[in-house]
Amino acid sequence: NNVENLCDLPVSDILFGMVHNAMSSVDAGFYVFANHMEDPIVDSLDAGFRGLSLDLCNCNGKMQFCHGGPETGCGIGRRDPVETFGQINDWIARNPNN
């Protein structure tokens, strides 16, 4: 994260901010009340967050990121894990020193 005074500290001594339900967005098909930003994963990484909470559940036999469980979560939004991890991987490739 380019904060020099943290470089010599063990990871257990550093606090990391985390984004809860980072996969949720209207653009990804989540209801407006079940999301946090326009594009939470890329926006969060750009803002410096390195912890992304992603909820995985079984939606009708298919593993998806969703907000909750199969009873409620799959109905209020779901996101393909391969696409989502691809988005994260693309960000890492564009920002190798972050």
N, C-alpha and C. Protein backbone atom coordinates (compact mmCIF):
# COMPACT_ATOMS: atom_id res chain seq x y z
N ASN A 1 0.82 -1.20 0.00
CA ASN A 1 0.00 0.00 0.00
C ASN A 1 0.86 1.26 0.00
N ASN A 2 2.16 1.11 -0.16
CA ASN A 2 3.10 2.23 -0.25
C ASN A 2 3.21 3.06 1.02
N VAL A 3 2.84 2.51 2.17
CA VAL A 3 3.01 3.20 3.44
C VAL A 3 4.29 2.64 4.06
N GLU A 4 5.38 3.40 3.94
CA GLU A 4 6.70 2.89 4.29
C GLU A 4 6.82 2.44 5.74
N ASN A 5 6.16 3.13 6.67
CA ASN A 5 6.32 2.76 8.08
C ASN A 5 5.62 1.43 8.42
N LEU A 6 4.89 0.84 7.47
CA LEU A 6 4.27 -0.47 7.70
C LEU A 6 5.09 -1.62 7.11
N CYS A 7 6.09 -1.30 6.31
CA CYS A 7 6.82 -2.33 5.57
C CYS A 7 7.49 -3.37 6.46
N ASP A 8 7.99 -2.99 7.61
CA ASP A 8 8.71 -3.92 8.48
C ASP A 8 7.81 -4.61 9.50
N LEU A 9 6.52 -4.28 9.51
CA LEU A 9 5.60 -4.88 10.48
C LEU A 9 5.05 -6.21 9.95
N PRO A 10 4.85 -7.18 10.83
CA PRO A 10 4.17 -8.40 10.39
C PRO A 10 2.71 -8.09 10.07
N VAL A 11 2.13 -8.85 9.17
CA VAL A 11 0.77 -8.59 8.74
C VAL A 11 -0.22 -8.66 9.91
N SER A 12 0.10 -9.43 10.94
CA SER A 12 -0.80 -9.53 12.10
C SER A 12 -0.85 -8.24 12.92
N ASP A 13 0.07 -7.31 12.68
CA ASP A 13 0.09 -6.03 13.41
C ASP A 13 -0.50 -4.88 12.61
N ILE A 14 -1.10 -5.17 11.47
CA ILE A 14 -1.62 -4.12 10.59
C ILE A 14 -3.13 -4.30 10.45
N LEU A 15 -3.87 -3.21 10.53
CA LEU A 15 -5.31 -3.23 10.38
C LEU A 15 -5.65 -2.97 8.92
N PHE A 16 -6.51 -3.81 8.36
CA PHE A 16 -6.93 -3.65 6.97
C PHE A 16 -8.41 -3.32 6.92
N GLY A 17 -8.75 -2.27 6.17
CA GLY A 17 -10.16 -1.96 5.94
C GLY A 17 -10.76 -2.99 4.98
N MET A 18 -12.02 -3.33 5.18
CA MET A 18 -12.67 -4.35 4.36
C MET A 18 -14.03 -3.86 3.90
N VAL A 19 -14.42 -4.24 2.70
CA VAL A 19 -15.71 -3.86 2.14
C VAL A 19 -16.67 -5.04 2.25
N HIS A 20 -17.75 -4.85 3.01
CA HIS A 20 -18.75 -5.89 3.22
C HIS A 20 -19.65 -6.02 1.99
N ASN A 21 -19.90 -7.24 1.55
CA ASN A 21 -20.73 -7.51 0.37
C ASN A 21 -20.24 -6.74 -0.85
N ALA A 22 -18.95 -6.84 -1.10
CA ALA A 22 -18.32 -6.08 -2.17
C ALA A 22 -18.84 -6.44 -3.56
N MET A 23 -19.48 -7.59 -3.69
CA MET A 23 -19.97 -8.03 -5.00
C MET A 23 -21.29 -7.37 -5.37
N SER A 24 -21.94 -6.69 -4.42
CA SER A 24 -23.29 -6.17 -4.63
C SER A 24 -23.28 -4.82 -5.34
N SER A 25 -23.97 -4.75 -6.47
CA SER A 25 -24.18 -3.48 -7.17
C SER A 25 -25.41 -3.60 -8.05
N VAL A 26 -26.03 -2.48 -8.34
CA VAL A 26 -27.18 -2.47 -9.24
C VAL A 26 -26.76 -2.98 -10.61
N ASP A 27 -25.57 -2.57 -11.07
CA ASP A 27 -25.08 -3.02 -12.38
C ASP A 27 -24.90 -4.53 -12.44
N ALA A 28 -24.65 -5.17 -11.30
CA ALA A 28 -24.49 -6.63 -11.25
C ALA A 28 -25.82 -7.33 -10.99
N GLY A 29 -26.92 -6.59 -10.96
CA GLY A 29 -28.23 -7.19 -10.82
C GLY A 29 -28.79 -7.23 -9.42
N PHE A 30 -28.17 -6.54 -8.47
CA PHE A 30 -28.67 -6.52 -7.10
C PHE A 30 -29.70 -5.40 -6.94
N TYR A 31 -30.72 -5.67 -6.13
CA TYR A 31 -31.69 -4.62 -5.82
C TYR A 31 -30.98 -3.43 -5.20
N VAL A 32 -31.54 -2.26 -5.37
CA VAL A 32 -30.91 -1.03 -4.91
C VAL A 32 -30.61 -1.05 -3.42
N PHE A 33 -31.43 -1.71 -2.61
CA PHE A 33 -31.21 -1.74 -1.16
C PHE A 33 -30.20 -2.80 -0.74
N ALA A 34 -29.73 -3.61 -1.67
CA ALA A 34 -28.79 -4.69 -1.34
C ALA A 34 -27.41 -4.44 -1.92
N ASN A 35 -27.10 -3.19 -2.23
CA ASN A 35 -25.79 -2.88 -2.80
C ASN A 35 -25.20 -1.66 -2.13
N HIS A 36 -23.95 -1.40 -2.45
CA HIS A 36 -23.24 -0.33 -1.77
C HIS A 36 -22.74 0.77 -2.70
N MET A 37 -22.36 0.44 -3.93
CA MET A 37 -21.79 1.42 -4.84
C MET A 37 -22.15 1.05 -6.27
N GLU A 38 -21.74 1.92 -7.19
CA GLU A 38 -21.92 1.63 -8.60
C GLU A 38 -21.14 0.38 -9.01
N ASP A 39 -19.85 0.36 -8.72
CA ASP A 39 -18.99 -0.79 -9.02
C ASP A 39 -18.13 -1.03 -7.80
N PRO A 40 -18.66 -1.72 -6.79
CA PRO A 40 -18.00 -1.78 -5.49
C PRO A 40 -16.61 -2.41 -5.50
N ILE A 41 -16.36 -3.36 -6.34
CA ILE A 41 -15.06 -4.03 -6.30
C ILE A 41 -13.97 -3.10 -6.82
N VAL A 42 -14.12 -2.58 -8.03
CA VAL A 42 -13.09 -1.70 -8.59
C VAL A 42 -12.98 -0.41 -7.80
N ASP A 43 -14.13 0.21 -7.45
CA ASP A 43 -14.09 1.44 -6.66
C ASP A 43 -13.39 1.23 -5.33
N SER A 44 -13.66 0.10 -4.70
CA SER A 44 -13.05 -0.20 -3.39
C SER A 44 -11.55 -0.41 -3.51
N LEU A 45 -11.13 -1.15 -4.52
CA LEU A 45 -9.69 -1.36 -4.73
C LEU A 45 -9.01 -0.04 -5.06
N ASP A 46 -9.64 0.78 -5.90
CA ASP A 46 -9.08 2.10 -6.23
C ASP A 46 -8.95 2.98 -4.99
N ALA A 47 -9.88 2.83 -4.05
CA ALA A 47 -9.87 3.64 -2.82
C ALA A 47 -8.85 3.14 -1.80
N GLY A 48 -8.24 1.98 -2.06
CA GLY A 48 -7.21 1.48 -1.15
C GLY A 48 -7.63 0.29 -0.30
N PHE A 49 -8.88 -0.12 -0.39
CA PHE A 49 -9.31 -1.30 0.36
C PHE A 49 -8.70 -2.55 -0.26
N ARG A 50 -8.24 -3.46 0.61
CA ARG A 50 -7.67 -4.71 0.12
C ARG A 50 -8.40 -5.92 0.69
N GLY A 51 -9.39 -5.69 1.50
CA GLY A 51 -10.24 -6.77 2.01
C GLY A 51 -11.61 -6.67 1.36
N LEU A 52 -12.01 -7.71 0.66
CA LEU A 52 -13.30 -7.73 -0.01
C LEU A 52 -14.11 -8.91 0.51
N SER A 53 -15.23 -8.64 1.16
CA SER A 53 -16.12 -9.69 1.63
C SER A 53 -17.04 -10.08 0.47
N LEU A 54 -16.96 -11.35 0.06
CA LEU A 54 -17.74 -11.85 -1.05
C LEU A 54 -18.53 -13.07 -0.55
N ASP A 55 -19.85 -13.01 -0.59
CA ASP A 55 -20.69 -14.09 -0.09
C ASP A 55 -20.98 -15.09 -1.21
N LEU A 56 -20.57 -16.34 -1.00
CA LEU A 56 -20.80 -17.40 -1.98
C LEU A 56 -21.96 -18.26 -1.53
N CYS A 57 -22.88 -18.56 -2.43
CA CYS A 57 -23.99 -19.44 -2.09
C CYS A 57 -24.41 -20.26 -3.31
N ASN A 58 -25.19 -21.27 -3.05
CA ASN A 58 -25.69 -22.16 -4.09
C ASN A 58 -27.04 -21.62 -4.55
N CYS A 59 -27.09 -21.11 -5.75
CA CYS A 59 -28.32 -20.57 -6.32
C CYS A 59 -28.83 -21.53 -7.38
N ASN A 60 -29.77 -22.36 -6.99
CA ASN A 60 -30.37 -23.33 -7.90
C ASN A 60 -29.33 -24.23 -8.56
N GLY A 61 -28.38 -24.70 -7.75
CA GLY A 61 -27.37 -25.63 -8.24
C GLY A 61 -26.14 -24.97 -8.85
N LYS A 62 -26.10 -23.65 -8.86
CA LYS A 62 -24.96 -22.93 -9.43
C LYS A 62 -24.34 -22.05 -8.35
N MET A 63 -23.03 -22.18 -8.15
CA MET A 63 -22.35 -21.34 -7.17
C MET A 63 -22.27 -19.91 -7.69
N GLN A 64 -22.75 -18.99 -6.88
CA GLN A 64 -22.81 -17.57 -7.24
C GLN A 64 -22.45 -16.74 -6.01
N PHE A 65 -21.96 -15.53 -6.25
CA PHE A 65 -21.89 -14.56 -5.17
C PHE A 65 -23.28 -13.97 -5.04
N CYS A 66 -23.80 -13.94 -3.82
CA CYS A 66 -25.12 -13.37 -3.59
C CYS A 66 -25.13 -12.68 -2.24
N HIS A 67 -26.21 -12.04 -1.92
CA HIS A 67 -26.33 -11.31 -0.66
C HIS A 67 -27.29 -12.07 0.24
N GLY A 68 -26.80 -13.07 0.91
CA GLY A 68 -27.64 -13.87 1.78
C GLY A 68 -27.53 -15.34 1.44
N GLY A 69 -28.62 -16.04 1.48
CA GLY A 69 -28.64 -17.46 1.18
C GLY A 69 -29.61 -17.75 0.06
N PRO A 70 -29.81 -19.03 -0.26
CA PRO A 70 -30.69 -19.38 -1.37
C PRO A 70 -32.14 -18.95 -1.16
N GLU A 71 -32.57 -18.83 0.10
CA GLU A 71 -33.95 -18.42 0.36
C GLU A 71 -34.20 -16.96 -0.01
N THR A 72 -33.23 -16.10 0.26
CA THR A 72 -33.41 -14.67 0.00
C THR A 72 -32.35 -14.11 -0.93
N GLY A 73 -31.10 -14.48 -0.71
CA GLY A 73 -29.98 -13.85 -1.42
C GLY A 73 -30.01 -13.99 -2.92
N CYS A 74 -30.33 -15.18 -3.41
CA CYS A 74 -30.34 -15.39 -4.84
C CYS A 74 -31.41 -14.55 -5.53
N GLY A 75 -32.48 -14.24 -4.80
CA GLY A 75 -33.56 -13.47 -5.37
C GLY A 75 -33.31 -11.97 -5.40
N ILE A 76 -32.38 -11.49 -4.59
CA ILE A 76 -32.13 -10.03 -4.57
C ILE A 76 -30.86 -9.66 -5.32
N GLY A 77 -30.18 -10.65 -5.86
CA GLY A 77 -29.01 -10.38 -6.68
C GLY A 77 -28.00 -11.50 -6.60
N ARG A 78 -27.33 -11.74 -7.70
CA ARG A 78 -26.26 -12.74 -7.73
C ARG A 78 -25.25 -12.33 -8.79
N ARG A 79 -24.04 -12.84 -8.61
CA ARG A 79 -22.95 -12.45 -9.49
C ARG A 79 -22.05 -13.66 -9.74
N ASP A 80 -21.63 -13.82 -10.97
CA ASP A 80 -20.79 -14.94 -11.37
C ASP A 80 -19.39 -14.82 -10.76
N PRO A 81 -18.94 -15.84 -10.01
CA PRO A 81 -17.62 -15.78 -9.39
C PRO A 81 -16.47 -15.67 -10.39
N VAL A 82 -16.56 -16.35 -11.53
CA VAL A 82 -15.48 -16.29 -12.52
C VAL A 82 -15.33 -14.87 -13.05
N GLU A 83 -16.44 -14.24 -13.37
CA GLU A 83 -16.41 -12.85 -13.84
C GLU A 83 -15.87 -11.91 -12.75
N THR A 84 -16.32 -12.13 -11.52
CA THR A 84 -15.92 -11.28 -10.41
C THR A 84 -14.42 -11.40 -10.13
N PHE A 85 -13.92 -12.65 -10.06
CA PHE A 85 -12.48 -12.83 -9.84
C PHE A 85 -11.68 -12.31 -11.04
N GLY A 86 -12.25 -12.39 -12.23
CA GLY A 86 -11.59 -11.81 -13.41
C GLY A 86 -11.44 -10.31 -13.28
N GLN A 87 -12.46 -9.66 -12.74
CA GLN A 87 -12.41 -8.21 -12.51
C GLN A 87 -11.31 -7.86 -11.51
N ILE A 88 -11.21 -8.65 -10.44
CA ILE A 88 -10.17 -8.43 -9.43
C ILE A 88 -8.80 -8.67 -10.05
N ASN A 89 -8.65 -9.75 -10.81
CA ASN A 89 -7.39 -10.07 -11.46
C ASN A 89 -6.97 -8.97 -12.43
N ASP A 90 -7.91 -8.44 -13.20
CA ASP A 90 -7.61 -7.34 -14.13
C ASP A 90 -7.11 -6.11 -13.37
N TRP A 91 -7.73 -5.81 -12.22
CA TRP A 91 -7.30 -4.66 -11.43
C TRP A 91 -5.87 -4.87 -10.94
N ILE A 92 -5.57 -6.09 -10.45
CA ILE A 92 -4.23 -6.39 -9.97
C ILE A 92 -3.21 -6.25 -11.10
N ALA A 93 -3.54 -6.71 -12.29
CA ALA A 93 -2.64 -6.61 -13.45
C ALA A 93 -2.37 -5.14 -13.81
N ARG A 94 -3.39 -4.28 -13.68
CA ARG A 94 -3.23 -2.85 -13.98
C ARG A 94 -2.50 -2.09 -12.87
N ASN A 95 -2.46 -2.67 -11.67
CA ASN A 95 -1.90 -2.00 -10.49
C ASN A 95 -0.94 -2.93 -9.76
N PRO A 96 0.15 -3.35 -10.42
CA PRO A 96 1.03 -4.37 -9.83
C PRO A 96 1.75 -3.93 -8.55
N ASN A 97 1.88 -2.65 -8.30
CA ASN A 97 2.60 -2.17 -7.13
C ASN A 97 1.68 -1.78 -5.98
N ASN A 98 0.40 -2.03 -6.12
CA ASN A 98 -0.56 -1.70 -5.07
C ASN A 98 -1.02 -2.94 -4.38
